[in-house]
Amino acid sequence: MIKEENVSKKMDLIYEIYTSYVRKDINQLFSIENVSGFNDLVKMLALQIGSLVNDQRLTTDLKTTHLTLTRYIFVLQNTFIVKLISPFFKNRRREIVKMPKVYFYDTG
């Protein structure tokens, strides 16, 4: 949690933390080829917090492959940035197939 009172400084600190996370940690650990595409995915997911994640729409909007999108979401989940929550159904098979909702662990 950033306890800076000045909103401008707070935004600068959050941006610095995010860029160092993407440029250093993510790129080195997972060798992300398309950093701008990865950033766009994070922005798109942030704009739809609590909404359903439609893989097909995201791949179209990001102009990427489904494999790349799946890999980027895997990276975000395993670095504790986002969590995908599956809907609850009594039928477990339906629960697996239906679109999950996206939530961020920390929204700054």
C-alpha atoms as a PDB file:
ATOM      1  CA  MET A   1       0.000   0.000   0.000  1.00  0.00           C
ATOM      2  CA  ILE A   2       1.373   3.392  -0.969  1.00  0.00           C
ATOM      3  CA  LYS A   3       0.763   5.986   1.717  1.00  0.00           C
ATOM      4  CA  GLU A   4       1.741   9.034  -0.322  1.00  0.00           C
ATOM      5  CA  GLU A   5      -0.698  11.920   0.179  1.00  0.00           C
ATOM      6  CA  ASN A   6       0.057  13.719  -3.096  1.00  0.00           C
ATOM      7  CA  VAL A   7      -2.001  12.054  -5.839  1.00  0.00           C
ATOM      8  CA  SER A   8       0.501  12.917  -8.569  1.00  0.00           C
ATOM      9  CA  LYS A   9       3.404  11.397  -6.630  1.00  0.00           C
ATOM     10  CA  LYS A  10       1.277   8.366  -5.773  1.00  0.00           C
ATOM     11  CA  MET A  11       0.492   7.786  -9.469  1.00  0.00           C
ATOM     12  CA  ASP A  12       4.191   8.153 -10.336  1.00  0.00           C
ATOM     13  CA  LEU A  13       5.140   5.582  -7.683  1.00  0.00           C
ATOM     14  CA  ILE A  14       2.509   3.104  -8.867  1.00  0.00           C
ATOM     15  CA  TYR A  15       3.658   3.550 -12.474  1.00  0.00           C
ATOM     16  CA  GLU A  16       7.293   3.031 -11.435  1.00  0.00           C
ATOM     17  CA  ILE A  17       6.442  -0.132  -9.512  1.00  0.00           C
ATOM     18  CA  TYR A  18       4.460  -1.521 -12.433  1.00  0.00           C
ATOM     19  CA  THR A  19       7.079  -0.737 -15.069  1.00  0.00           C
ATOM     20  CA  SER A  20       9.877  -2.237 -13.002  1.00  0.00           C
ATOM     21  CA  TYR A  21       7.685  -5.311 -12.459  1.00  0.00           C
ATOM     22  CA  VAL A  22       7.060  -5.744 -16.179  1.00  0.00           C
ATOM     23  CA  ARG A  23      10.459  -4.699 -17.516  1.00  0.00           C
ATOM     24  CA  LYS A  24      12.617  -6.546 -15.034  1.00  0.00           C
ATOM     25  CA  ASP A  25      10.796  -9.338 -13.252  1.00  0.00           C
ATOM     26  CA  ILE A  26       8.295 -10.542 -15.826  1.00  0.00           C
ATOM     27  CA  ASN A  27      10.528 -10.100 -18.835  1.00  0.00           C
ATOM     28  CA  GLN A  28      13.448 -11.913 -17.203  1.00  0.00           C
ATOM     29  CA  LEU A  29      11.452 -14.730 -15.633  1.00  0.00           C
ATOM     30  CA  PHE A  30       9.033 -15.457 -18.455  1.00  0.00           C
ATOM     31  CA  SER A  31      10.688 -13.789 -21.481  1.00  0.00           C
ATOM     32  CA  ILE A  32       7.664 -11.845 -22.684  1.00  0.00           C
ATOM     33  CA  GLU A  33       8.276 -11.050 -26.360  1.00  0.00           C
ATOM     34  CA  ASN A  34       5.507  -8.480 -26.815  1.00  0.00           C
ATOM     35  CA  VAL A  35       5.707  -6.241 -23.753  1.00  0.00           C
ATOM     36  CA  SER A  36       3.246  -3.710 -25.186  1.00  0.00           C
ATOM     37  CA  GLY A  37       0.729  -6.502 -25.829  1.00  0.00           C
ATOM     38  CA  PHE A  38       1.220  -7.711 -22.255  1.00  0.00           C
ATOM     39  CA  ASN A  39       0.658  -4.154 -20.980  1.00  0.00           C
ATOM     40  CA  ASP A  40      -2.464  -3.824 -23.108  1.00  0.00           C
ATOM     41  CA  LEU A  41      -3.810  -7.071 -21.648  1.00  0.00           C
ATOM     42  CA  VAL A  42      -3.284  -5.789 -18.105  1.00  0.00           C
ATOM     43  CA  LYS A  43      -5.056  -2.532 -18.993  1.00  0.00           C
ATOM     44  CA  MET A  44      -7.968  -4.387 -20.588  1.00  0.00           C
ATOM     45  CA  LEU A  45      -8.337  -6.685 -17.589  1.00  0.00           C
ATOM     46  CA  ALA A  46      -8.171  -3.695 -15.239  1.00  0.00           C
ATOM     47  CA  LEU A  47     -11.034  -2.079 -17.121  1.00  0.00           C
ATOM     48  CA  GLN A  48     -13.223  -5.136 -16.617  1.00  0.00           C
ATOM     49  CA  ILE A  49     -12.599  -6.071 -12.985  1.00  0.00           C
ATOM     50  CA  GLY A  50     -15.398  -8.332 -11.796  1.00  0.00           C
ATOM     51  CA  SER A  51     -16.553  -9.002 -15.346  1.00  0.00           C
ATOM     52  CA  LEU A  52     -16.435 -12.147 -17.414  1.00  0.00           C
ATOM     53  CA  VAL A  53     -13.206 -12.850 -19.302  1.00  0.00           C
ATOM     54  CA  ASN A  54     -13.935 -13.664 -22.920  1.00  0.00           C
ATOM     55  CA  ASP A  55     -10.752 -15.197 -24.384  1.00  0.00           C
ATOM     56  CA  GLN A  56     -11.920 -14.898 -27.976  1.00  0.00           C
ATOM     57  CA  ARG A  57     -12.690 -11.204 -27.641  1.00  0.00           C
ATOM     58  CA  LEU A  58      -9.369 -10.490 -25.930  1.00  0.00           C
ATOM     59  CA  THR A  59      -7.387 -12.302 -28.635  1.00  0.00           C
ATOM     60  CA  THR A  60      -9.211 -10.290 -31.290  1.00  0.00           C
ATOM     61  CA  ASP A  61      -8.785  -6.965 -29.492  1.00  0.00           C
ATOM     62  CA  LEU A  62      -5.101  -7.602 -28.739  1.00  0.00           C
ATOM     63  CA  LYS A  63      -4.415  -9.067 -32.194  1.00  0.00           C
ATOM     64  CA  THR A  64      -2.644 -12.051 -30.691  1.00  0.00           C
ATOM     65  CA  THR A  65      -3.013 -15.811 -30.599  1.00  0.00           C
ATOM     66  CA  HIS A  66      -5.007 -17.739 -28.038  1.00  0.00           C
ATOM     67  CA  LEU A  67      -1.806 -19.496 -26.929  1.00  0.00           C
ATOM     68  CA  THR A  68      -0.079 -16.178 -26.219  1.00  0.00           C
ATOM     69  CA  LEU A  69      -3.103 -14.851 -24.344  1.00  0.00           C
ATOM     70  CA  THR A  70      -3.282 -18.005 -22.239  1.00  0.00           C
ATOM     71  CA  ARG A  71       0.423 -17.709 -21.455  1.00  0.00           C
ATOM     72  CA  TYR A  72       0.107 -14.039 -20.437  1.00  0.00           C
ATOM     73  CA  ILE A  73      -2.848 -14.779 -18.169  1.00  0.00           C
ATOM     74  CA  PHE A  74      -0.894 -17.701 -16.673  1.00  0.00           C
ATOM     75  CA  VAL A  75       1.972 -15.295 -15.891  1.00  0.00           C
ATOM     76  CA  LEU A  76      -0.393 -12.770 -14.302  1.00  0.00           C
ATOM     77  CA  GLN A  77      -2.036 -15.441 -12.166  1.00  0.00           C
ATOM     78  CA  ASN A  78       1.213 -17.031 -11.017  1.00  0.00           C
ATOM     79  CA  THR A  79       2.768 -13.705 -10.079  1.00  0.00           C
ATOM     80  CA  PHE A  80      -0.315 -12.891  -7.990  1.00  0.00           C
ATOM     81  CA  ILE A  81      -1.471  -9.945 -10.064  1.00  0.00           C
ATOM     82  CA  VAL A  82      -4.864 -11.298 -11.157  1.00  0.00           C
ATOM     83  CA  LYS A  83      -7.124 -14.108 -10.067  1.00  0.00           C
ATOM     84  CA  LEU A  84      -9.685 -15.737 -12.313  1.00  0.00           C
ATOM     85  CA  ILE A  85     -12.733 -16.958 -10.427  1.00  0.00           C
ATOM     86  CA  SER A  86     -14.854 -19.652 -12.036  1.00  0.00           C
ATOM     87  CA  PRO A  87     -18.625 -19.394 -11.664  1.00  0.00           C
ATOM     88  CA  PHE A  88     -20.365 -21.801  -9.313  1.00  0.00           C
ATOM     89  CA  PHE A  89     -22.571 -24.516 -10.779  1.00  0.00           C
ATOM     90  CA  LYS A  90     -23.730 -27.787  -9.268  1.00  0.00           C
ATOM     91  CA  ASN A  91     -22.636 -29.383 -12.516  1.00  0.00           C
ATOM     92  CA  ARG A  92     -18.811 -29.332 -12.203  1.00  0.00           C
ATOM     93  CA  ARG A  93     -18.358 -29.749 -15.938  1.00  0.00           C
ATOM     94  CA  ARG A  94     -20.281 -26.546 -16.619  1.00  0.00           C
ATOM     95  CA  GLU A  95     -18.215 -24.783 -13.994  1.00  0.00           C
ATOM     96  CA  ILE A  96     -15.041 -25.599 -15.903  1.00  0.00           C
ATOM     97  CA  VAL A  97     -16.366 -24.573 -19.320  1.00  0.00           C
ATOM     98  CA  LYS A  98     -18.004 -21.258 -18.394  1.00  0.00           C
ATOM     99  CA  MET A  99     -16.095 -17.959 -18.565  1.00  0.00           C
ATOM    100  CA  PRO A 100     -14.385 -16.879 -15.340  1.00  0.00           C
ATOM    101  CA  LYS A 101     -14.414 -13.396 -13.800  1.00  0.00           C
ATOM    102  CA  VAL A 102     -11.216 -11.436 -13.326  1.00  0.00           C
ATOM    103  CA  TYR A 103     -10.093  -9.754 -10.106  1.00  0.00           C
ATOM    104  CA  PHE A 104      -6.831  -8.041  -9.178  1.00  0.00           C
ATOM    105  CA  TYR A 105      -5.149  -8.915  -5.896  1.00  0.00           C
ATOM    106  CA  ASP A 106      -4.118  -5.300  -5.275  1.00  0.00           C
ATOM    107  CA  THR A 107      -5.624  -2.343  -7.097  1.00  0.00           C
ATOM    108  CA  GLY A 108      -3.122   0.139  -5.705  1.00  0.00           C
END
